């Protein structure tokens, strides 16, 4: 009975020592390691966040440049189209004028021919 009591006392003493060792050394070391690792993770996370922000900013700048270029290109095409249409209108006016003159010349030519024909028919 007494041996059993001593055994239980030794077991309890060992448990007390293990708890003391855990509280005094193991837990503080674990806490310190966790804190160091957490700080490293937070630093890496901050660096990753900064990188993502820079990428997003570059992407927005690229999109803005592309859109600005697209708008400038559209404006240039509109101007070119308007110039083309104006040129077509002027060419149409020239062709219409040449046609009108040609018709006028033909009328005059036919009128002369009718006069000449009239002279011959009186003979």
PDB file of N, CA and C in Angstrom:
ATOM      1  N   UNK A   1       0.819  -1.191   0.000  1.00  0.00           N
ATOM      2  CA  UNK A   1       0.000   0.000   0.000  1.00  0.00           C
ATOM      3  C   UNK A   1       0.856   1.245   0.000  1.00  0.00           C
ATOM      4  N   UNK A   2       1.929   1.163   0.813  1.00  0.00           N
ATOM      5  CA  UNK A   2       2.803   2.317   0.886  1.00  0.00           C
ATOM      6  C   UNK A   2       3.570   2.485  -0.412  1.00  0.00           C
ATOM      7  N   UNK A   3       3.961   1.390  -1.089  1.00  0.00           N
ATOM      8  CA  UNK A   3       4.655   1.462  -2.369  1.00  0.00           C
ATOM      9  C   UNK A   3       3.758   2.127  -3.413  1.00  0.00           C
ATOM     10  N   UNK A   4       2.527   1.749  -3.357  1.00  0.00           N
ATOM     11  CA  UNK A   4       1.567   2.313  -4.294  1.00  0.00           C
ATOM     12  C   UNK A   4       1.435   3.811  -4.058  1.00  0.00           C
ATOM     13  N   UNK A   5       1.398   4.220  -2.845  1.00  0.00           N
ATOM     14  CA  UNK A   5       1.310   5.639  -2.504  1.00  0.00           C
ATOM     15  C   UNK A   5       2.540   6.387  -2.980  1.00  0.00           C
ATOM     16  N   UNK A   6       3.729   5.760  -2.799  1.00  0.00           N
ATOM     17  CA  UNK A   6       4.956   6.393  -3.260  1.00  0.00           C
ATOM     18  C   UNK A   6       4.958   6.493  -4.789  1.00  0.00           C
ATOM     19  N   UNK A   7       4.495   5.425  -5.433  1.00  0.00           N
ATOM     20  CA  UNK A   7       4.416   5.442  -6.893  1.00  0.00           C
ATOM     21  C   UNK A   7       3.503   6.568  -7.350  1.00  0.00           C
ATOM     22  N   UNK A   8       2.371   6.710  -6.741  1.00  0.00           N
ATOM     23  CA  UNK A   8       1.426   7.764  -7.101  1.00  0.00           C
ATOM     24  C   UNK A   8       2.030   9.133  -6.834  1.00  0.00           C
ATOM     25  N   UNK A   9       2.807   9.245  -5.714  1.00  0.00           N
ATOM     26  CA  UNK A   9       3.460  10.516  -5.391  1.00  0.00           C
ATOM     27  C   UNK A   9       4.494  10.853  -6.460  1.00  0.00           C
ATOM     28  N   UNK A  10       5.245   9.824  -6.931  1.00  0.00           N
ATOM     29  CA  UNK A  10       6.242  10.046  -7.983  1.00  0.00           C
ATOM     30  C   UNK A  10       5.559  10.442  -9.297  1.00  0.00           C
ATOM     31  N   UNK A  11       4.479   9.759  -9.617  1.00  0.00           N
ATOM     32  CA  UNK A  11       3.734  10.090 -10.836  1.00  0.00           C
ATOM     33  C   UNK A  11       3.239  11.524 -10.750  1.00  0.00           C
ATOM     34  N   UNK A  12       2.686  11.904  -9.604  1.00  0.00           N
ATOM     35  CA  UNK A  12       2.185  13.277  -9.430  1.00  0.00           C
ATOM     36  C   UNK A  12       3.335  14.282  -9.488  1.00  0.00           C
ATOM     37  N   UNK A  13       4.475  13.914  -8.890  1.00  0.00           N
ATOM     38  CA  UNK A  13       5.647  14.796  -8.918  1.00  0.00           C
ATOM     39  C   UNK A  13       6.131  14.969 -10.362  1.00  0.00           C
ATOM     40  N   UNK A  14       6.165  13.851 -11.121  1.00  0.00           N
ATOM     41  CA  UNK A  14       6.568  13.917 -12.535  1.00  0.00           C
ATOM     42  C   UNK A  14       5.601  14.785 -13.338  1.00  0.00           C
ATOM     43  N   UNK A  15       4.315  14.623 -13.079  1.00  0.00           N
ATOM     44  CA  UNK A  15       3.304  15.449 -13.760  1.00  0.00           C
ATOM     45  C   UNK A  15       3.501  16.924 -13.427  1.00  0.00           C
ATOM     46  N   UNK A  16       3.763  17.194 -12.140  1.00  0.00           N
ATOM     47  CA  UNK A  16       3.985  18.580 -11.700  1.00  0.00           C
ATOM     48  C   UNK A  16       5.214  19.148 -12.412  1.00  0.00           C
ATOM     49  N   UNK A  17       6.278  18.353 -12.526  1.00  0.00           N
ATOM     50  CA  UNK A  17       7.490  18.811 -13.209  1.00  0.00           C
ATOM     51  C   UNK A  17       7.235  19.043 -14.703  1.00  0.00           C
ATOM     52  N   UNK A  18       6.486  18.122 -15.317  1.00  0.00           N
ATOM     53  CA  UNK A  18       6.151  18.287 -16.737  1.00  0.00           C
ATOM     54  C   UNK A  18       5.327  19.551 -16.953  1.00  0.00           C
ATOM     55  N   UNK A  19       4.364  19.795 -16.088  1.00  0.00           N
ATOM     56  CA  UNK A  19       3.517  20.995 -16.204  1.00  0.00           C
ATOM     57  C   UNK A  19       4.380  22.237 -16.022  1.00  0.00           C
ATOM     58  N   UNK A  20       5.282  22.215 -15.028  1.00  0.00           N
ATOM     59  CA  UNK A  20       6.161  23.348 -14.780  1.00  0.00           C
ATOM     60  C   UNK A  20       7.052  23.596 -16.009  1.00  0.00           C
ATOM     61  N   UNK A  21       7.644  22.521 -16.562  1.00  0.00           N
ATOM     62  CA  UNK A  21       8.504  22.618 -17.750  1.00  0.00           C
ATOM     63  C   UNK A  21       7.713  23.188 -18.932  1.00  0.00           C
ATOM     64  N   UNK A  22       6.509  22.686 -19.090  1.00  0.00           N
ATOM     65  CA  UNK A  22       5.650  23.170 -20.181  1.00  0.00           C
ATOM     66  C   UNK A  22       5.344  24.647 -20.000  1.00  0.00           C
ATOM     67  N   UNK A  23       4.945  25.052 -18.806  1.00  0.00           N
ATOM     68  CA  UNK A  23       4.587  26.450 -18.541  1.00  0.00           C
ATOM     69  C   UNK A  23       5.790  27.381 -18.640  1.00  0.00           C
ATOM     70  N   UNK A  24       6.935  26.941 -18.152  1.00  0.00           N
ATOM     71  CA  UNK A  24       8.103  27.817 -18.079  1.00  0.00           C
ATOM     72  C   UNK A  24       8.913  27.862 -19.381  1.00  0.00           C
ATOM     73  N   UNK A  25       8.953  26.769 -20.121  1.00  0.00           N
ATOM     74  CA  UNK A  25       9.852  26.715 -21.275  1.00  0.00           C
ATOM     75  C   UNK A  25       9.127  26.445 -22.597  1.00  0.00           C
ATOM     76  N   UNK A  26       8.344  25.371 -22.637  1.00  0.00           N
ATOM     77  CA  UNK A  26       7.741  24.950 -23.902  1.00  0.00           C
ATOM     78  C   UNK A  26       6.741  25.977 -24.436  1.00  0.00           C
ATOM     79  N   UNK A  27       5.800  26.403 -23.584  1.00  0.00           N
ATOM     80  CA  UNK A  27       4.787  27.374 -24.038  1.00  0.00           C
ATOM     81  C   UNK A  27       5.402  28.704 -24.458  1.00  0.00           C
ATOM     82  N   UNK A  28       6.325  29.300 -23.681  1.00  0.00           N
ATOM     83  CA  UNK A  28       6.930  30.559 -24.137  1.00  0.00           C
ATOM     84  C   UNK A  28       7.680  30.393 -25.473  1.00  0.00           C
ATOM     85  N   UNK A  29       8.380  29.237 -25.634  1.00  0.00           N
ATOM     86  CA  UNK A  29       9.097  29.007 -26.891  1.00  0.00           C
ATOM     87  C   UNK A  29       8.117  28.876 -28.060  1.00  0.00           C
ATOM     88  N   UNK A  30       7.026  28.158 -27.847  1.00  0.00           N
ATOM     89  CA  UNK A  30       5.988  28.024 -28.890  1.00  0.00           C
ATOM     90  C   UNK A  30       5.390  29.383 -29.227  1.00  0.00           C
ATOM     91  N   UNK A  31       5.105  30.167 -28.179  1.00  0.00           N
ATOM     92  CA  UNK A  31       4.517  31.490 -28.390  1.00  0.00           C
ATOM     93  C   UNK A  31       5.480  32.371 -29.193  1.00  0.00           C
ATOM     94  N   UNK A  32       6.754  32.332 -28.850  1.00  0.00           N
ATOM     95  CA  UNK A  32       7.763  33.132 -29.544  1.00  0.00           C
ATOM     96  C   UNK A  32       7.887  32.698 -31.010  1.00  0.00           C
ATOM     97  N   UNK A  33       7.921  31.392 -31.244  1.00  0.00           N
ATOM     98  CA  UNK A  33       8.009  30.865 -32.611  1.00  0.00           C
ATOM     99  C   UNK A  33       6.782  31.269 -33.411  1.00  0.00           C
ATOM    100  N   UNK A  34       5.605  31.127 -32.809  1.00  0.00           N
ATOM    101  CA  UNK A  34       4.365  31.524 -33.504  1.00  0.00           C
ATOM    102  C   UNK A  34       4.388  33.013 -33.826  1.00  0.00           C
ATOM    103  N   UNK A  35       4.843  33.822 -32.880  1.00  0.00           N
ATOM    104  CA  UNK A  35       4.874  35.273 -33.098  1.00  0.00           C
ATOM    105  C   UNK A  35       5.824  35.618 -34.249  1.00  0.00           C
ATOM    106  N   UNK A  36       7.013  34.976 -34.250  1.00  0.00           N
ATOM    107  CA  UNK A  36       7.973  35.218 -35.337  1.00  0.00           C
ATOM    108  C   UNK A  36       7.377  34.817 -36.688  1.00  0.00           C
ATOM    109  N   UNK A  37       6.789  33.627 -36.738  1.00  0.00           N
ATOM    110  CA  UNK A  37       6.194  33.147 -37.982  1.00  0.00           C
ATOM    111  C   UNK A  37       5.045  34.034 -38.422  1.00  0.00           C
ATOM    112  N   UNK A  38       4.227  34.464 -37.459  1.00  0.00           N
ATOM    113  CA  UNK A  38       3.098  35.335 -37.790  1.00  0.00           C
ATOM    114  C   UNK A  38       3.603  36.658 -38.354  1.00  0.00           C
ATOM    115  N   UNK A  39       4.673  37.205 -37.759  1.00  0.00           N
ATOM    116  CA  UNK A  39       5.234  38.463 -38.278  1.00  0.00           C
ATOM    117  C   UNK A  39       5.753  38.282 -39.700  1.00  0.00           C
ATOM    118  N   UNK A  40       6.415  37.142 -39.955  1.00  0.00           N
ATOM    119  CA  UNK A  40       6.906  36.866 -41.308  1.00  0.00           C
ATOM    120  C   UNK A  40       5.738  36.756 -42.301  1.00  0.00           C
ATOM    121  N   UNK A  41       4.698  36.055 -41.883  1.00  0.00           N
ATOM    122  CA  UNK A  41       3.526  35.891 -42.749  1.00  0.00           C
ATOM    123  C   UNK A  41       2.889  37.255 -43.029  1.00  0.00           C
ATOM    124  N   UNK A  42       2.786  38.085 -41.983  1.00  0.00           N
ATOM    125  CA  UNK A  42       2.192  39.417 -42.174  1.00  0.00           C
ATOM    126  C   UNK A  42       3.043  40.268 -43.119  1.00  0.00           C
ATOM    127  N   UNK A  43       4.377  40.179 -42.995  1.00  0.00           N
ATOM    128  CA  UNK A  43       5.250  40.936 -43.898  1.00  0.00           C
ATOM    129  C   UNK A  43       5.073  40.458 -45.336  1.00  0.00           C
ATOM    130  N   UNK A  44       5.033  39.133 -45.541  1.00  0.00           N
ATOM    131  CA  UNK A  44       4.849  38.594 -46.892  1.00  0.00           C
ATOM    132  C   UNK A  44       3.485  38.986 -47.452  1.00  0.00           C
ATOM    133  N   UNK A  45       2.474  38.958 -46.592  1.00  0.00           N
ATOM    134  CA  UNK A  45       1.132  39.347 -47.018  1.00  0.00           C
ATOM    135  C   UNK A  45       1.097  40.814 -47.431  1.00  0.00           C
ATOM    136  N   UNK A  46       1.771  41.666 -46.667  1.00  0.00           N
ATOM    137  CA  UNK A  46       1.830  43.092 -47.006  1.00  0.00           C
ATOM    138  C   UNK A  46       2.557  43.292 -48.338  1.00  0.00           C
ATOM    139  N   UNK A  47       3.669  42.558 -48.526  1.00  0.00           N
ATOM    140  CA  UNK A  47       4.412  42.670 -49.789  1.00  0.00           C
ATOM    141  C   UNK A  47       3.542  42.210 -50.958  1.00  0.00           C
ATOM    142  N   UNK A  48       2.807  41.113 -50.771  1.00  0.00           N
ATOM    143  CA  UNK A  48       1.929  40.612 -51.827  1.00  0.00           C
ATOM    144  C   UNK A  48       0.825  41.625 -52.127  1.00  0.00           C
ATOM    145  N   UNK A  49       0.263  42.220 -51.084  1.00  0.00           N
ATOM    146  CA  UNK A  49      -0.786  43.232 -51.266  1.00  0.00           C
ATOM    147  C   UNK A  49      -0.237  44.428 -52.040  1.00  0.00           C
ATOM    148  N   UNK A  50       0.972  44.867 -51.682  1.00  0.00           N
ATOM    149  CA  UNK A  50       1.591  45.989 -52.403  1.00  0.00           C
ATOM    150  C   UNK A  50       1.798  45.643 -53.876  1.00  0.00           C
ATOM    151  N   UNK A  51       2.262  44.420 -54.140  1.00  0.00           N
ATOM    152  CA  UNK A  51       2.488  43.992 -55.526  1.00  0.00           C
ATOM    153  C   UNK A  51       1.184  43.979 -56.308  1.00  0.00           C
ATOM    154  N   UNK A  52       0.127  43.461 -55.701  1.00  0.00           N
ATOM    155  CA  UNK A  52      -1.175  43.411 -56.367  1.00  0.00           C
ATOM    156  C   UNK A  52      -1.668  44.830 -56.664  1.00  0.00           C
ATOM    157  N   UNK A  53      -1.479  45.740 -55.717  1.00  0.00           N
ATOM    158  CA  UNK A  53      -1.903  47.132 -55.936  1.00  0.00           C
ATOM    159  C   UNK A  53      -1.150  47.747 -57.112  1.00  0.00           C
ATOM    160  N   UNK A  54       0.173  47.498 -57.172  1.00  0.00           N
ATOM    161  CA  UNK A  54       0.966  48.030 -58.283  1.00  0.00           C
ATOM    162  C   UNK A  54       0.493  47.444 -59.614  1.00  0.00           C
ATOM    163  N   UNK A  55       0.226  46.129 -59.622  1.00  0.00           N
ATOM    164  CA  UNK A  55      -0.266  45.486 -60.848  1.00  0.00           C
ATOM    165  C   UNK A  55      -1.601  46.076 -61.280  1.00  0.00           C
ATOM    166  N   UNK A  56      -2.490  46.276 -60.317  1.00  0.00           N
ATOM    167  CA  UNK A  56      -3.798  46.851 -60.648  1.00  0.00           C
ATOM    168  C   UNK A  56      -3.637  48.263 -61.203  1.00  0.00           C
ATOM    169  N   UNK A  57      -2.732  49.029 -60.601  1.00  0.00           N
ATOM    170  CA  UNK A  57      -2.516  50.404 -61.063  1.00  0.00           C
ATOM    171  C   UNK A  57      -1.962  50.395 -62.487  1.00  0.00           C
ATOM    172  N   UNK A  58      -0.984  49.502 -62.757  1.00  0.00           N
ATOM    173  CA  UNK A  58      -0.424  49.413 -64.108  1.00  0.00           C
ATOM    174  C   UNK A  58      -1.492  48.994 -65.110  1.00  0.00           C
ATOM    175  N   UNK A  59      -2.338  48.044 -64.694  1.00  0.00           N
ATOM    176  CA  UNK A  59      -3.405  47.572 -65.582  1.00  0.00           C
ATOM    177  C   UNK A  59      -4.389  48.700 -65.893  1.00  0.00           C
ATOM    178  N   UNK A  60      -4.730  49.498 -64.863  1.00  0.00           N
ATOM    179  CA  UNK A  60      -5.637  50.632 -65.084  1.00  0.00           C
ATOM    180  C   UNK A  60      -4.998  51.656 -66.018  1.00  0.00           C
ATOM    181  N   UNK A  61      -3.694  51.918 -65.834  1.00  0.00           N
ATOM    182  CA  UNK A  61      -3.005  52.865 -66.700  1.00  0.00           C
ATOM    183  C   UNK A  61      -2.977  52.338 -68.137  1.00  0.00           C
ATOM    184  N   UNK A  62      -2.727  51.023 -68.295  1.00  0.00           N
ATOM    185  CA  UNK A  62      -2.692  50.418 -69.619  1.00  0.00           C
ATOM    186  C   UNK A  62      -4.065  50.521 -70.296  1.00  0.00           C
ATOM    187  N   UNK A  63      -5.121  50.230 -69.513  1.00  0.00           N
ATOM    188  CA  UNK A  63      -6.475  50.329 -70.058  1.00  0.00           C
ATOM    189  C   UNK A  63      -6.793  51.765 -70.469  1.00  0.00           C
ATOM    190  N   UNK A  64      -6.376  52.729 -69.646  1.00  0.00           N
ATOM    191  CA  UNK A  64      -6.643  54.129 -69.956  1.00  0.00           C
ATOM    192  C   UNK A  64      -5.920  54.530 -71.240  1.00  0.00           C
ATOM    193  N   UNK A  65      -4.641  54.111 -71.369  1.00  0.00           N
ATOM    194  CA  UNK A  65      -3.892  54.420 -72.582  1.00  0.00           C
ATOM    195  C   UNK A  65      -4.568  53.787 -73.796  1.00  0.00           C
ATOM    196  N   UNK A  66      -5.000  52.540 -73.650  1.00  0.00           N
ATOM    197  CA  UNK A  66      -5.665  51.844 -74.754  1.00  0.00           C
ATOM    198  C   UNK A  66      -6.952  52.571 -75.138  1.00  0.00           C
ATOM    199  N   UNK A  67      -7.758  52.919 -74.120  1.00  0.00           N
ATOM    200  CA  UNK A  67      -9.020  53.624 -74.398  1.00  0.00           C
ATOM    201  C   UNK A  67      -8.766  54.992 -75.018  1.00  0.00           C
ATOM    202  N   UNK A  68      -7.750  55.719 -74.510  1.00  0.00           N
ATOM    203  CA  UNK A  68      -7.417  57.025 -75.090  1.00  0.00           C
ATOM    204  C   UNK A  68      -7.006  56.863 -76.546  1.00  0.00           C
ATOM    205  N   UNK A  69      -6.188  55.827 -76.809  1.00  0.00           N
ATOM    206  CA  UNK A  69      -5.742  55.566 -78.185  1.00  0.00           C
ATOM    207  C   UNK A  69      -6.941  55.215 -79.072  1.00  0.00           C
ATOM    208  N   UNK A  70      -7.831  54.393 -78.516  1.00  0.00           N
ATOM    209  CA  UNK A  70      -9.021  53.986 -79.274  1.00  0.00           C
ATOM    210  C   UNK A  70      -9.885  55.194 -79.619  1.00  0.00           C
ATOM    211  N   UNK A  71     -10.095  56.072 -78.646  1.00  0.00           N
ATOM    212  CA  UNK A  71     -10.910  57.275 -78.873  1.00  0.00           C
ATOM    213  C   UNK A  71     -10.237  58.171 -79.915  1.00  0.00           C
ATOM    214  N   UNK A  72      -8.909  58.347 -79.790  1.00  0.00           N
ATOM    215  CA  UNK A  72      -8.185  59.184 -80.760  1.00  0.00           C
ATOM    216  C   UNK A  72      -8.289  58.573 -82.157  1.00  0.00           C
ATOM    217  N   UNK A  73      -8.173  57.257 -82.228  1.00  0.00           N
ATOM    218  CA  UNK A  73      -8.272  56.563 -83.512  1.00  0.00           C
ATOM    219  C   UNK A  73      -9.669  56.727 -84.113  1.00  0.00           C
ATOM    220  N   UNK A  74     -10.695  56.581 -83.271  1.00  0.00           N
ATOM    221  CA  UNK A  74     -12.077  56.770 -83.741  1.00  0.00           C
ATOM    222  C   UNK A  74     -12.275  58.196 -84.259  1.00  0.00           C
ATOM    223  N   UNK A  75     -11.756  59.169 -83.510  1.00  0.00           N
ATOM    224  CA  UNK A  75     -11.882  60.570 -83.936  1.00  0.00           C
ATOM    225  C   UNK A  75     -11.183  60.790 -85.276  1.00  0.00           C
ATOM    226  N   UNK A  76      -9.992  60.198 -85.421  1.00  0.00           N
ATOM    227  CA  UNK A  76      -9.248  60.329 -86.681  1.00  0.00           C
ATOM    228  C   UNK A  76     -10.027  59.701 -87.834  1.00  0.00           C
ATOM    229  N   UNK A  77     -10.607  58.533 -87.586  1.00  0.00           N
ATOM    230  CA  UNK A  77     -11.391  57.870 -88.636  1.00  0.00           C
ATOM    231  C   UNK A  77     -12.622  58.704 -89.003  1.00  0.00           C
ATOM    232  N   UNK A  78     -13.246  59.299 -88.003  1.00  0.00           N
ATOM    233  CA  UNK A  78     -14.412  60.153 -88.267  1.00  0.00           C
ATOM    234  C   UNK A  78     -14.018  61.337 -89.140  1.00  0.00           C
ATOM    235  N   UNK A  79     -12.885  61.959 -88.796  1.00  0.00           N
ATOM    236  CA  UNK A  79     -12.408  63.105 -89.586  1.00  0.00           C
ATOM    237  C   UNK A  79     -12.106  62.665 -91.017  1.00  0.00           C
ATOM    238  N   UNK A  80     -11.414  61.515 -91.149  1.00  0.00           N
ATOM    239  CA  UNK A  80     -11.089  61.011 -92.491  1.00  0.00           C
ATOM    240  C   UNK A  80     -12.358  60.703 -93.283  1.00  0.00           C
ATOM    241  N   UNK A  81     -13.348  60.124 -92.615  1.00  0.00           N
ATOM    242  CA  UNK A  81     -14.609  59.799 -93.297  1.00  0.00           C
ATOM    243  C   UNK A  81     -15.310  61.073 -93.773  1.00  0.00           C
ATOM    244  N   UNK A  82     -15.335  62.081 -92.893  1.00  0.00           N
ATOM    245  CA  UNK A  82     -15.982  63.341 -93.266  1.00  0.00           C
ATOM    246  C   UNK A  82     -15.268  63.985 -94.457  1.00  0.00           C
ATOM    247  N   UNK A  83     -13.908  63.941 -94.438  1.00  0.00           N
ATOM    248  CA  UNK A  83     -13.146  64.499 -95.565  1.00  0.00           C
ATOM    249  C   UNK A  83     -13.440  63.712 -96.849  1.00  0.00           C
ATOM    250  N   UNK A  84     -13.495  62.387 -96.715  1.00  0.00           N
ATOM    251  CA  UNK A  84     -13.793  61.536 -97.868  1.00  0.00           C
ATOM    252  C   UNK A  84     -15.168  61.881 -98.445  1.00  0.00           C
ATOM    253  N   UNK A  85     -16.155  62.008 -97.569  1.00  0.00           N
ATOM    254  CA  UNK A  85     -17.521  62.311 -98.030  1.00  0.00           C
ATOM    255  C   UNK A  85     -17.574  63.695 -98.681  1.00  0.00           C
ATOM    256  N   UNK A  86     -16.856  64.660 -98.123  1.00  0.00           N
ATOM    257  CA  UNK A  86     -16.809  65.997 -98.705  1.00  0.00           C
ATOM    258  C   UNK A  86     -16.181  65.929-100.107  1.00  0.00           C
ATOM    259  N   UNK A  87     -15.087  65.163-100.206  1.00  0.00           N
ATOM    260  CA  UNK A  87     -14.407  64.986-101.485  1.00  0.00           C
ATOM    261  C   UNK A  87     -15.333  64.313-102.503  1.00  0.00           C
ATOM    262  N   UNK A  88     -16.087  63.304-102.037  1.00  0.00           N
ATOM    263  CA  UNK A  88     -17.027  62.618-102.934  1.00  0.00           C
ATOM    264  C   UNK A  88     -18.103  63.584-103.421  1.00  0.00           C
ATOM    265  N   UNK A  89     -18.579  64.416-102.510  1.00  0.00           N
ATOM    266  CA  UNK A  89     -19.603  65.400-102.879  1.00  0.00           C
ATOM    267  C   UNK A  89     -19.047  66.366-103.927  1.00  0.00           C
ATOM    268  N   UNK A  90     -17.798  66.823-103.714  1.00  0.00           N
ATOM    269  CA  UNK A  90     -17.178  67.747-104.687  1.00  0.00           C
ATOM    270  C   UNK A  90     -16.996  67.064-106.035  1.00  0.00           C
ATOM    271  N   UNK A  91     -16.538  65.806-106.007  1.00  0.00           N
ATOM    272  CA  UNK A  91     -16.365  65.068-107.265  1.00  0.00           C
ATOM    273  C   UNK A  91     -17.706  64.881-107.976  1.00  0.00           C
ATOM    274  N   UNK A  92     -18.747  64.592-107.190  1.00  0.00           N
ATOM    275  CA  UNK A  92     -20.075  64.424-107.775  1.00  0.00           C
ATOM    276  C   UNK A  92     -20.521  65.733-108.433  1.00  0.00           C
ATOM    277  N   UNK A  93     -20.252  66.845-107.744  1.00  0.00           N
ATOM    278  CA  UNK A  93     -20.624  68.150-108.306  1.00  0.00           C
ATOM    279  C   UNK A  93     -19.863  68.400-109.607  1.00  0.00           C
ATOM    280  N   UNK A  94     -18.559  68.040-109.644  1.00  0.00           N
ATOM    281  CA  UNK A  94     -17.767  68.218-110.871  1.00  0.00           C
ATOM    282  C   UNK A  94     -18.336  67.363-112.005  1.00  0.00           C
ATOM    283  N   UNK A  95     -18.633  66.093-111.693  1.00  0.00           N
ATOM    284  CA  UNK A  95     -19.177  65.190-112.708  1.00  0.00           C
ATOM    285  C   UNK A  95     -20.526  65.707-113.204  1.00  0.00           C
ATOM    286  N   UNK A  96     -21.367  66.161-112.265  1.00  0.00           N
ATOM    287  CA  UNK A  96     -22.674  66.711-112.663  1.00  0.00           C
ATOM    288  C   UNK A  96     -22.498  67.918-113.580  1.00  0.00           C
ATOM    289  N   UNK A  97     -21.515  68.768-113.241  1.00  0.00           N
ATOM    290  CA  UNK A  97     -21.268  69.972-114.059  1.00  0.00           C
ATOM    291  C   UNK A  97     -20.759  69.580-115.450  1.00  0.00           C
ATOM    292  N   UNK A  98     -19.829  68.609-115.506  1.00  0.00           N
ATOM    293  CA  UNK A  98     -19.325  68.142-116.804  1.00  0.00           C
ATOM    294  C   UNK A  98     -20.464  67.535-117.628  1.00  0.00           C
ATOM    295  N   UNK A  99     -21.341  66.804-116.957  1.00  0.00           N
ATOM    296  CA  UNK A  99     -22.473  66.188-117.647  1.00  0.00           C
ATOM    297  C   UNK A  99     -23.417  67.262-118.197  1.00  0.00           C
ATOM    298  N   UNK A 100     -23.663  68.275-117.370  1.00  0.00           N
ATOM    299  CA  UNK A 100     -24.544  69.364-117.806  1.00  0.00           C
ATOM    300  C   UNK A 100     -23.960  70.070-119.029  1.00  0.00           C
ATOM    301  N   UNK A 101     -22.632  70.320-119.012  1.00  0.00           N
ATOM    302  CA  UNK A 101     -21.975  70.985-120.138  1.00  0.00           C
ATOM    303  C   UNK A 101     -22.025  70.113-121.392  1.00  0.00           C
ATOM    304  N   UNK A 102     -21.793  68.789-121.173  1.00  0.00           N
ATOM    305  CA  UNK A 102     -21.830  67.871-122.317  1.00  0.00           C
ATOM    306  C   UNK A 102     -23.228  67.841-122.927  1.00  0.00           C
ATOM    307  N   UNK A 103     -24.250  67.798-122.083  1.00  0.00           N
ATOM    308  CA  UNK A 103     -25.629  67.809-122.576  1.00  0.00           C
ATOM    309  C   UNK A 103     -25.892  69.116-123.323  1.00  0.00           C
ATOM    310  N   UNK A 104     -25.398  70.221-122.793  1.00  0.00           N
ATOM    311  CA  UNK A 104     -25.578  71.528-123.435  1.00  0.00           C
ATOM    312  C   UNK A 104     -24.893  71.547-124.812  1.00  0.00           C
ATOM    313  N   UNK A 105     -23.650  71.019-124.849  1.00  0.00           N
ATOM    314  CA  UNK A 105     -22.929  70.967-126.135  1.00  0.00           C
ATOM    315  C   UNK A 105     -23.692  70.109-127.145  1.00  0.00           C
ATOM    316  N   UNK A 106     -24.199  68.954-126.646  1.00  0.00           N
ATOM    317  CA  UNK A 106     -24.956  68.082-127.549  1.00  0.00           C
ATOM    318  C   UNK A 106     -26.217  68.773-128.059  1.00  0.00           C
ATOM    319  N   UNK A 107     -26.889  69.509-127.179  1.00  0.00           N
ATOM    320  CA  UNK A 107     -28.092  70.237-127.610  1.00  0.00           C
ATOM    321  C   UNK A 107     -27.737  71.248-128.692  1.00  0.00           C
ATOM    322  N   UNK A 108     -26.635  71.973-128.444  1.00  0.00           N
ATOM    323  CA  UNK A 108     -26.209  72.968-129.431  1.00  0.00           C
ATOM    324  C   UNK A 108     -25.839  72.294-130.747  1.00  0.00           C
ATOM    325  N   UNK A 109     -25.101  71.141-130.601  1.00  0.00           N
ATOM    326  CA  UNK A 109     -24.682  70.406-131.799  1.00  0.00           C
ATOM    327  C   UNK A 109     -25.892  69.914-132.582  1.00  0.00           C
ATOM    328  N   UNK A 110     -26.885  69.366-131.880  1.00  0.00           N
ATOM    329  CA  UNK A 110     -28.088  68.893-132.565  1.00  0.00           C
ATOM    330  C   UNK A 110     -28.886  70.058-133.151  1.00  0.00           C
ATOM    331  N   UNK A 111     -28.889  71.166-132.463  1.00  0.00           N
ATOM    332  CA  UNK A 111     -29.586  72.341-132.998  1.00  0.00           C
ATOM    333  C   UNK A 111     -28.919  72.795-134.300  1.00  0.00           C
ATOM    334  N   UNK A 112     -27.568  72.802-134.326  1.00  0.00           N
ATOM    335  CA  UNK A 112     -26.831  73.169-135.543  1.00  0.00           C
ATOM    336  C   UNK A 112     -27.140  72.172-136.657  1.00  0.00           C
ATOM    337  N   UNK A 113     -27.149  70.886-136.274  1.00  0.00           N
ATOM    338  CA  UNK A 113     -27.423  69.858-137.266  1.00  0.00           C
ATOM    339  C   UNK A 113     -28.839  70.026-137.829  1.00  0.00           C
ATOM    340  N   UNK A 114     -29.792  70.393-136.963  1.00  0.00           N
ATOM    341  CA  UNK A 114     -31.166  70.602-137.443  1.00  0.00           C
ATOM    342  C   UNK A 114     -31.230  71.783-138.399  1.00  0.00           C
ATOM    343  N   UNK A 115     -30.461  72.851-138.074  1.00  0.00           N
ATOM    344  CA  UNK A 115     -30.414  74.007-138.984  1.00  0.00           C
ATOM    345  C   UNK A 115     -29.853  73.590-140.338  1.00  0.00           C
ATOM    346  N   UNK A 116     -28.724  72.836-140.265  1.00  0.00           N
ATOM    347  CA  UNK A 116     -28.108  72.380-141.518  1.00  0.00           C
ATOM    348  C   UNK A 116     -29.068  71.486-142.294  1.00  0.00           C
ATOM    349  N   UNK A 117     -29.757  70.630-141.566  1.00  0.00           N
ATOM    350  CA  UNK A 117     -30.708  69.730-142.201  1.00  0.00           C
ATOM    351  C   UNK A 117     -31.863  70.528-142.829  1.00  0.00           C
ATOM    352  N   UNK A 118     -32.274  71.559-142.105  1.00  0.00           N
ATOM    353  CA  UNK A 118     -33.360  72.383-142.612  1.00  0.00           C
ATOM    354  C   UNK A 118     -32.939  73.080-143.905  1.00  0.00           C
ATOM    355  N   UNK A 119     -31.667  73.500-143.997  1.00  0.00           N
ATOM    356  CA  UNK A 119     -31.165  74.146-145.203  1.00  0.00           C
ATOM    357  C   UNK A 119     -31.232  73.177-146.380  1.00  0.00           C
ATOM    358  N   UNK A 120     -30.844  71.903-146.127  1.00  0.00           N
ATOM    359  CA  UNK A 120     -30.845  70.920-147.196  1.00  0.00           C
ATOM    360  C   UNK A 120     -32.252  70.538-147.615  1.00  0.00           C
ATOM    361  N   UNK A 121     -33.187  70.528-146.663  1.00  0.00           N
ATOM    362  CA  UNK A 121     -34.550  70.093-147.025  1.00  0.00           C
ATOM    363  C   UNK A 121     -35.275  71.180-147.840  1.00  0.00           C
ATOM    364  N   UNK A 122     -34.823  72.411-147.837  1.00  0.00           N
ATOM    365  CA  UNK A 122     -35.478  73.447-148.629  1.00  0.00           C
ATOM    366  C   UNK A 122     -35.086  73.335-150.086  1.00  0.00           C
ATOM    367  N   UNK A 123     -34.061  72.606-150.421  1.00  0.00           N
ATOM    368  CA  UNK A 123     -33.635  72.458-151.811  1.00  0.00           C
ATOM    369  C   UNK A 123     -34.536  71.593-152.554  1.00  0.00           C
TER     370      UNK A 123
END
